[in-house]
Amino acid sequence: MKSKSVKPRLAACAAFAALLTAAFFATESGAQPNSVKKIADGVWFREGDMKQGHSNNTIIEMKDYLIVVDANFPSGARLALADAKKLSPKPVKYVFITHHHGDHDYGSAVWTSNGATTFAYKAVVDELNRYEPARWREAAKSRKDVAELNRDTPEYPKETFDKSPYILKDSTREVQFLFFGWAHTRGDGFAWLPKERVLATGDASTNGPYNNTADANLGNWPKVMEAAEKLHPQFVLPGHGPSGGPEILTGQASFMVELRKAAQQAADRGKKLEDIVTMKDGKPVATAIVLPASAQHWVGNSLPTQVMNAYSEVTQKKPAGDVPHQ
């Protein structure tokens, strides 16, 4: 791991609120917001409350300290920290940021002020440079927990790594931090516990209709899931939605394949974006695209936006994340 000296630069502000457009699906069957579930000895999964925009967290106990996966929003960070203290008297030494989105990163200052070191794959810093401080400032307008930090930009990871895997290991446990490529974002990181066969994925996989595709590479996303599947995890801890098994990875990949295929088929039939996506006040609100039953678990009210991103990707022949935001 190496330290990075970074300076944020102003980038075009995407509609940051779209990050969690499916937040109201928090009542999805099986969801248990703010619950803490033991996955293995010394490994816990904390399910975030989507009504508050919170991500999930994974808490991992090492010999002398704890590792937490994802910084969450500030309010989510405080809740996760409080639960970590209930689970173990050991301090949180490291917080791994899976990607740059606010619900996984904006709580960083909460953790570091409590003595933790935040770290991430190097491309997370590149993404922050690309989109901040515009998104932070936009979030501060609607989120009290962000505004109360009295910052003009998010706190960057204190450390980064550029070779995968990066490993933290002691006499009790090994944790590998992995990068498989551009899926949800250019910097998607995974935390893998090889002995326990536990994989924490951030938003590279979700368990339910929680996918934000604005910064994504939809064509490459299934390949990233395939790489993750090759680890043969027993437990998959997604960025949003309940924990589960490898079916989360295969389902996530299938959804992205079907989404992109539907957009490609529409384009091949000569359909224009306005033929398949209905806009209102400049935002996608409905779509004529219907995905197959096998993908419905991942379909929610954000589907019109996802279709728009997929259509942009296939027609402009570059990743959705490289297409200027609508």
Protein backbone atom coordinates (compact mmCIF):
# COMPACT_ATOMS: atom_id res chain seq x y z
CA MET A 1 0.00 0.00 0.00
CA LYS A 2 1.25 3.48 -0.71
CA SER A 3 0.25 6.96 0.32
CA LYS A 4 -1.21 9.29 -2.27
CA SER A 5 -1.16 13.03 -2.40
CA VAL A 6 -4.23 14.12 -4.30
CA LYS A 7 -6.01 17.35 -5.14
CA PRO A 8 -9.66 17.24 -6.16
CA ARG A 9 -10.69 19.08 -9.31
CA LEU A 10 -14.05 20.37 -10.39
CA ALA A 11 -15.93 18.06 -12.75
CA ALA A 12 -19.33 18.17 -14.32
CA CYS A 13 -21.92 17.42 -11.66
CA ALA A 14 -24.13 14.45 -12.36
CA ALA A 15 -27.44 14.12 -10.58
CA PHE A 16 -26.01 12.67 -7.42
CA ALA A 17 -29.41 11.93 -5.99
CA ALA A 18 -29.79 9.31 -8.74
CA LEU A 19 -27.18 7.26 -6.89
CA LEU A 20 -29.94 5.55 -4.96
CA THR A 21 -33.01 6.03 -7.11
CA ALA A 22 -34.42 2.75 -5.85
CA ALA A 23 -34.11 3.58 -2.16
CA PHE A 24 -37.78 3.00 -1.57
CA PHE A 25 -37.24 -0.69 -2.29
CA ALA A 26 -35.89 -1.04 1.25
CA THR A 27 -38.87 -3.20 2.06
CA GLU A 28 -37.72 -5.78 -0.50
CA SER A 29 -38.46 -9.26 0.80
CA GLY A 30 -35.65 -10.40 3.07
CA ALA A 31 -34.27 -6.93 3.69
CA GLN A 32 -33.46 -6.10 7.32
CA PRO A 33 -32.21 -2.50 7.52
CA ASN A 34 -29.82 -1.72 10.39
CA SER A 35 -29.49 -5.41 11.25
CA VAL A 36 -26.15 -7.06 12.00
CA LYS A 37 -25.73 -10.66 10.89
CA LYS A 38 -22.89 -13.01 11.78
CA ILE A 39 -21.49 -14.54 8.59
CA ALA A 40 -18.55 -16.44 10.09
CA ASP A 41 -16.55 -16.24 13.30
CA GLY A 42 -15.41 -12.63 13.56
CA VAL A 43 -17.17 -11.56 10.35
CA TRP A 44 -20.41 -9.59 10.37
CA PHE A 45 -22.67 -8.07 7.73
CA ARG A 46 -24.47 -4.85 8.58
CA GLU A 47 -27.37 -4.06 6.26
CA GLY A 48 -27.79 -0.35 5.63
CA ASP A 49 -31.09 1.50 5.74
CA MET A 50 -31.91 2.46 2.16
CA LYS A 51 -34.49 4.98 3.37
CA GLN A 52 -31.51 6.95 4.66
CA GLY A 53 -29.42 6.20 1.58
CA HIS A 54 -27.02 4.02 3.57
CA SER A 55 -24.88 1.28 2.09
CA ASN A 56 -24.12 -2.06 3.66
CA ASN A 57 -20.99 -2.59 5.75
CA THR A 58 -18.89 -5.64 6.50
CA ILE A 59 -17.01 -5.79 9.80
CA ILE A 60 -13.99 -8.09 9.99
CA GLU A 61 -12.17 -8.93 13.22
CA MET A 62 -8.42 -9.39 13.09
CA LYS A 63 -6.14 -10.29 16.02
CA ASP A 64 -5.76 -6.75 17.34
CA TYR A 65 -8.11 -4.61 15.29
CA LEU A 66 -11.16 -4.42 13.03
CA ILE A 67 -11.49 -3.79 9.30
CA VAL A 68 -14.70 -2.22 8.01
CA VAL A 69 -15.73 -2.42 4.37
CA ASP A 70 -17.10 0.93 3.11
CA ALA A 71 -17.23 4.31 4.81
CA ASN A 72 -20.96 4.84 4.11
CA PHE A 73 -22.60 8.27 4.35
CA PRO A 74 -21.65 10.11 7.58
CA SER A 75 -24.82 9.09 9.41
CA GLY A 76 -24.38 5.49 8.27
CA ALA A 77 -20.75 5.58 9.34
CA ARG A 78 -21.73 6.56 12.87
CA LEU A 79 -24.26 3.73 13.08
CA ALA A 80 -21.76 1.19 11.74
CA LEU A 81 -19.07 2.42 14.14
CA ALA A 82 -21.46 2.08 17.07
CA ASP A 83 -22.29 -1.49 16.06
CA ALA A 84 -18.61 -2.33 15.59
CA LYS A 85 -17.98 -1.22 19.18
CA LYS A 86 -20.77 -3.49 20.36
CA LEU A 87 -19.31 -6.46 18.50
CA SER A 88 -15.70 -6.09 19.64
CA PRO A 89 -13.59 -3.92 21.96
CA LYS A 90 -10.91 -3.79 19.27
CA PRO A 91 -10.45 -0.51 17.39
CA VAL A 92 -11.38 -0.02 13.75
CA LYS A 93 -7.94 0.31 12.19
CA TYR A 94 -8.82 0.22 8.49
CA VAL A 95 -11.82 1.18 6.40
CA PHE A 96 -11.79 -0.13 2.84
CA ILE A 97 -13.65 2.08 0.36
CA THR A 98 -15.00 -0.06 -2.46
CA HIS A 99 -15.74 2.91 -4.75
CA HIS A 100 -16.15 6.68 -4.86
CA HIS A 101 -19.93 7.10 -4.55
CA GLY A 102 -21.12 9.08 -1.56
CA ASP A 103 -23.01 6.28 0.16
CA HIS A 104 -19.75 4.30 0.28
CA ASP A 105 -17.23 7.11 0.71
CA TYR A 106 -18.62 10.34 2.18
CA GLY A 107 -18.42 9.08 5.75
CA SER A 108 -14.62 8.74 5.52
CA ALA A 109 -13.95 11.71 7.82
CA VAL A 110 -16.08 10.08 10.53
CA TRP A 111 -13.84 7.03 10.53
CA THR A 112 -10.52 8.85 10.37
CA SER A 113 -11.55 11.17 13.20
CA ASN A 114 -12.01 8.01 15.25
CA GLY A 115 -8.50 6.77 14.46
CA ALA A 116 -9.06 4.61 11.38
CA THR A 117 -7.09 4.71 8.12
CA THR A 118 -9.19 4.73 4.95
CA PHE A 119 -7.82 3.02 1.85
CA ALA A 120 -8.94 2.06 -1.63
CA TYR A 121 -7.81 0.88 -5.03
CA LYS A 122 -6.00 3.72 -6.80
CA ALA A 123 -8.76 4.29 -9.38
CA VAL A 124 -11.10 5.44 -6.60
CA VAL A 125 -8.94 8.55 -6.29
CA ASP A 126 -9.09 9.02 -10.06
CA GLU A 127 -12.89 8.89 -9.87
CA LEU A 128 -12.98 11.42 -7.05
CA ASN A 129 -10.79 13.71 -9.13
CA ARG A 130 -13.18 13.25 -12.03
CA TYR A 131 -16.44 14.04 -10.22
CA GLU A 132 -15.62 16.06 -7.10
CA PRO A 133 -16.22 18.45 -5.47
CA ALA A 134 -19.38 18.97 -7.56
CA ARG A 135 -21.16 15.86 -6.30
CA TRP A 136 -20.22 16.54 -2.70
CA ARG A 137 -21.64 20.04 -2.90
CA GLU A 138 -24.82 18.75 -4.50
CA ALA A 139 -25.23 16.11 -1.77
CA ALA A 140 -24.70 18.71 0.95
CA LYS A 141 -27.78 20.56 -0.30
CA SER A 142 -30.06 17.65 0.55
CA ARG A 143 -28.16 15.66 3.18
CA LYS A 144 -27.77 17.14 6.63
CA ASP A 145 -25.11 14.59 7.58
CA VAL A 146 -22.91 15.69 4.66
CA ALA A 147 -23.46 19.39 5.24
CA GLU A 148 -22.66 19.10 8.95
CA LEU A 149 -19.13 17.95 8.20
CA ASN A 150 -18.43 21.52 7.03
CA ARG A 151 -16.24 20.37 4.18
CA ASP A 152 -16.08 21.61 0.61
CA THR A 153 -15.11 18.22 -0.78
CA PRO A 154 -15.02 14.61 0.43
CA GLU A 155 -12.05 13.38 2.37
CA TYR A 156 -9.85 11.29 0.07
CA PRO A 157 -8.56 7.82 0.99
CA LYS A 158 -5.51 8.13 3.20
CA GLU A 159 -3.81 5.29 1.38
CA THR A 160 -4.20 3.44 -1.92
CA PHE A 161 -2.94 0.26 -3.55
CA ASP A 162 -2.26 -0.35 -7.22
CA LYS A 163 -1.56 -4.08 -7.33
CA SER A 164 -4.27 -6.68 -6.86
CA PRO A 165 -4.47 -8.41 -4.48
CA TYR A 166 -3.41 -6.20 -1.61
CA ILE A 167 -3.33 -8.36 1.52
CA LEU A 168 -3.81 -7.70 5.22
CA LYS A 169 -2.86 -10.76 7.24
CA ASP A 170 -2.09 -11.75 10.80
CA SER A 171 -2.06 -14.96 12.83
CA THR A 172 -5.86 -15.18 12.81
CA ARG A 173 -7.02 -14.17 9.35
CA GLU A 174 -6.14 -13.12 5.80
CA VAL A 175 -8.10 -10.51 3.89
CA GLN A 176 -7.43 -9.84 0.21
CA PHE A 177 -8.46 -6.62 -1.50
CA LEU A 178 -9.05 -7.15 -5.19
CA PHE A 179 -9.68 -5.26 -8.41
CA PHE A 180 -11.20 -7.07 -11.40
CA GLY A 181 -11.92 -4.14 -13.73
CA TRP A 182 -14.50 -1.48 -14.53
CA ALA A 183 -18.08 -2.51 -13.71
CA HIS A 184 -20.18 -0.20 -11.51
CA THR A 185 -17.30 2.32 -11.48
CA ARG A 186 -13.73 2.46 -12.73
CA GLY A 187 -12.43 1.72 -9.24
CA ASP A 188 -14.57 -1.18 -7.99
CA GLY A 189 -12.85 -2.99 -5.15
CA PHE A 190 -13.69 -6.32 -3.49
CA ALA A 191 -12.76 -7.68 -0.06
CA TRP A 192 -12.16 -11.46 -0.08
CA LEU A 193 -11.67 -13.76 2.88
CA PRO A 194 -10.27 -16.95 1.30
CA LYS A 195 -10.51 -19.19 4.35
CA GLU A 196 -14.08 -18.19 5.19
CA ARG A 197 -15.02 -17.85 1.49
CA VAL A 198 -16.67 -14.51 2.14
CA LEU A 199 -16.75 -11.85 -0.61
CA ALA A 200 -17.79 -8.24 0.03
CA THR A 201 -18.50 -6.60 -3.31
CA GLY A 202 -19.53 -2.99 -2.81
CA ASP A 203 -21.96 -2.01 -5.56
CA ALA A 204 -20.31 -4.21 -8.16
CA SER A 205 -23.16 -6.48 -7.10
CA THR A 206 -26.41 -5.68 -5.34
CA ASN A 207 -29.18 -7.97 -4.15
CA GLY A 208 -32.23 -6.23 -5.56
CA PRO A 209 -33.14 -3.20 -7.72
CA TYR A 210 -30.37 -0.94 -6.50
CA ASN A 211 -28.04 -0.58 -9.50
CA ASN A 212 -26.81 2.87 -10.44
CA THR A 213 -25.37 2.69 -13.96
CA ALA A 214 -24.32 6.32 -14.56
CA ASP A 215 -20.58 5.70 -14.06
CA ALA A 216 -20.62 2.13 -15.33
CA ASN A 217 -19.18 -0.02 -18.07
CA LEU A 218 -22.18 -2.23 -18.76
CA GLY A 219 -20.42 -4.36 -21.32
CA ASN A 220 -17.58 -5.19 -18.97
CA TRP A 221 -19.69 -5.58 -15.83
CA PRO A 222 -20.59 -9.27 -16.45
CA LYS A 223 -16.88 -10.03 -16.99
CA VAL A 224 -16.09 -8.57 -13.58
CA MET A 225 -18.81 -10.76 -12.06
CA GLU A 226 -17.35 -13.79 -13.81
CA ALA A 227 -13.94 -13.02 -12.32
CA ALA A 228 -15.51 -12.74 -8.87
CA GLU A 229 -17.38 -16.01 -9.37
CA LYS A 230 -14.06 -17.79 -10.01
CA LEU A 231 -13.23 -17.26 -6.34
CA HIS A 232 -16.09 -19.66 -5.58
CA PRO A 233 -17.44 -17.65 -2.64
CA GLN A 234 -19.90 -19.25 -0.25
CA PHE A 235 -21.12 -15.92 1.09
CA VAL A 236 -21.62 -12.78 -1.00
CA LEU A 237 -22.10 -9.50 0.84
CA PRO A 238 -23.46 -6.93 -1.64
CA GLY A 239 -23.36 -3.16 -1.50
CA HIS A 240 -27.13 -2.96 -1.07
CA GLY A 241 -29.77 -5.53 -0.23
CA PRO A 242 -29.53 -8.70 1.88
CA SER A 243 -26.53 -11.00 1.98
CA GLY A 244 -26.62 -14.24 0.05
CA GLY A 245 -24.50 -16.59 -1.98
CA PRO A 246 -22.95 -16.75 -5.46
CA GLU A 247 -26.41 -16.44 -7.01
CA ILE A 248 -26.09 -12.69 -6.36
CA LEU A 249 -23.11 -12.55 -8.71
CA THR A 250 -24.70 -14.64 -11.45
CA GLY A 251 -27.96 -12.72 -11.19
CA GLN A 252 -26.20 -9.38 -11.32
CA ALA A 253 -24.29 -10.44 -14.42
CA SER A 254 -27.45 -11.73 -16.09
CA PHE A 255 -29.28 -8.45 -15.43
CA MET A 256 -26.52 -6.44 -17.07
CA VAL A 257 -26.41 -8.79 -20.07
CA GLU A 258 -30.18 -8.55 -20.56
CA LEU A 259 -30.22 -4.77 -20.07
CA ARG A 260 -27.53 -4.14 -22.64
CA LYS A 261 -28.98 -6.71 -25.05
CA ALA A 262 -32.39 -5.04 -24.92
CA ALA A 263 -30.84 -1.65 -25.63
CA GLN A 264 -28.81 -3.08 -28.51
CA GLN A 265 -31.88 -4.74 -30.02
CA ALA A 266 -33.81 -1.47 -29.84
CA ALA A 267 -30.96 0.37 -31.53
CA ASP A 268 -30.69 -2.32 -34.22
CA ARG A 269 -34.41 -1.82 -34.98
CA GLY A 270 -33.74 1.84 -35.55
CA LYS A 271 -35.37 3.00 -32.32
CA LYS A 272 -34.30 6.35 -30.96
CA LEU A 273 -33.93 7.00 -27.25
CA GLU A 274 -37.24 8.85 -27.11
CA ASP A 275 -38.93 5.76 -28.58
CA ILE A 276 -37.95 3.60 -25.61
CA VAL A 277 -37.56 6.06 -22.72
CA THR A 278 -40.09 8.65 -21.58
CA MET A 279 -38.60 11.83 -20.16
CA LYS A 280 -40.20 14.31 -17.77
CA ASP A 281 -38.48 17.49 -16.65
CA GLY A 282 -35.29 16.15 -18.18
CA LYS A 283 -35.39 12.86 -16.26
CA PRO A 284 -36.23 9.32 -17.42
CA VAL A 285 -39.54 8.27 -15.85
CA ALA A 286 -40.71 5.28 -17.90
CA THR A 287 -39.45 2.82 -20.47
CA ALA A 288 -40.95 0.58 -23.13
CA ILE A 289 -38.21 -1.99 -22.46
CA VAL A 290 -39.32 -5.10 -20.59
CA LEU A 291 -36.61 -7.43 -19.33
CA PRO A 292 -37.15 -11.19 -18.96
CA ALA A 293 -38.43 -12.76 -15.77
CA SER A 294 -34.93 -13.96 -14.88
CA ALA A 295 -33.82 -10.34 -14.45
CA GLN A 296 -36.85 -9.00 -12.58
CA HIS A 297 -35.24 -9.22 -9.12
CA TRP A 298 -32.94 -6.39 -10.20
CA VAL A 299 -35.64 -4.30 -11.92
CA GLY A 300 -37.05 -1.25 -10.15
CA ASN A 301 -38.01 2.35 -10.73
CA SER A 302 -34.49 3.14 -11.89
CA LEU A 303 -34.94 0.97 -15.00
CA PRO A 304 -35.67 3.95 -17.31
CA THR A 305 -32.36 5.52 -16.30
CA GLN A 306 -30.55 2.22 -16.71
CA VAL A 307 -32.06 1.79 -20.19
CA MET A 308 -30.97 5.32 -21.11
CA ASN A 309 -27.42 4.55 -19.97
CA ALA A 310 -27.39 1.22 -21.82
CA TYR A 311 -28.73 2.82 -25.01
CA SER A 312 -26.07 5.52 -24.81
CA GLU A 313 -23.39 2.87 -24.37
CA VAL A 314 -24.38 0.75 -27.35
CA THR A 315 -25.10 3.64 -29.72
CA GLN A 316 -22.05 5.73 -28.83
CA LYS A 317 -19.86 2.64 -28.60
CA LYS A 318 -18.19 3.59 -25.34
CA PRO A 319 -18.91 2.83 -21.69
CA ALA A 320 -21.91 4.59 -20.18
CA GLY A 321 -19.54 6.20 -17.69
CA ASP A 322 -17.73 7.89 -20.58
CA VAL A 323 -20.94 9.32 -22.02
CA PRO A 324 -21.77 12.85 -20.77
CA HIS A 325 -24.49 12.63 -18.14
CA GLN A 326 -27.94 13.57 -19.31
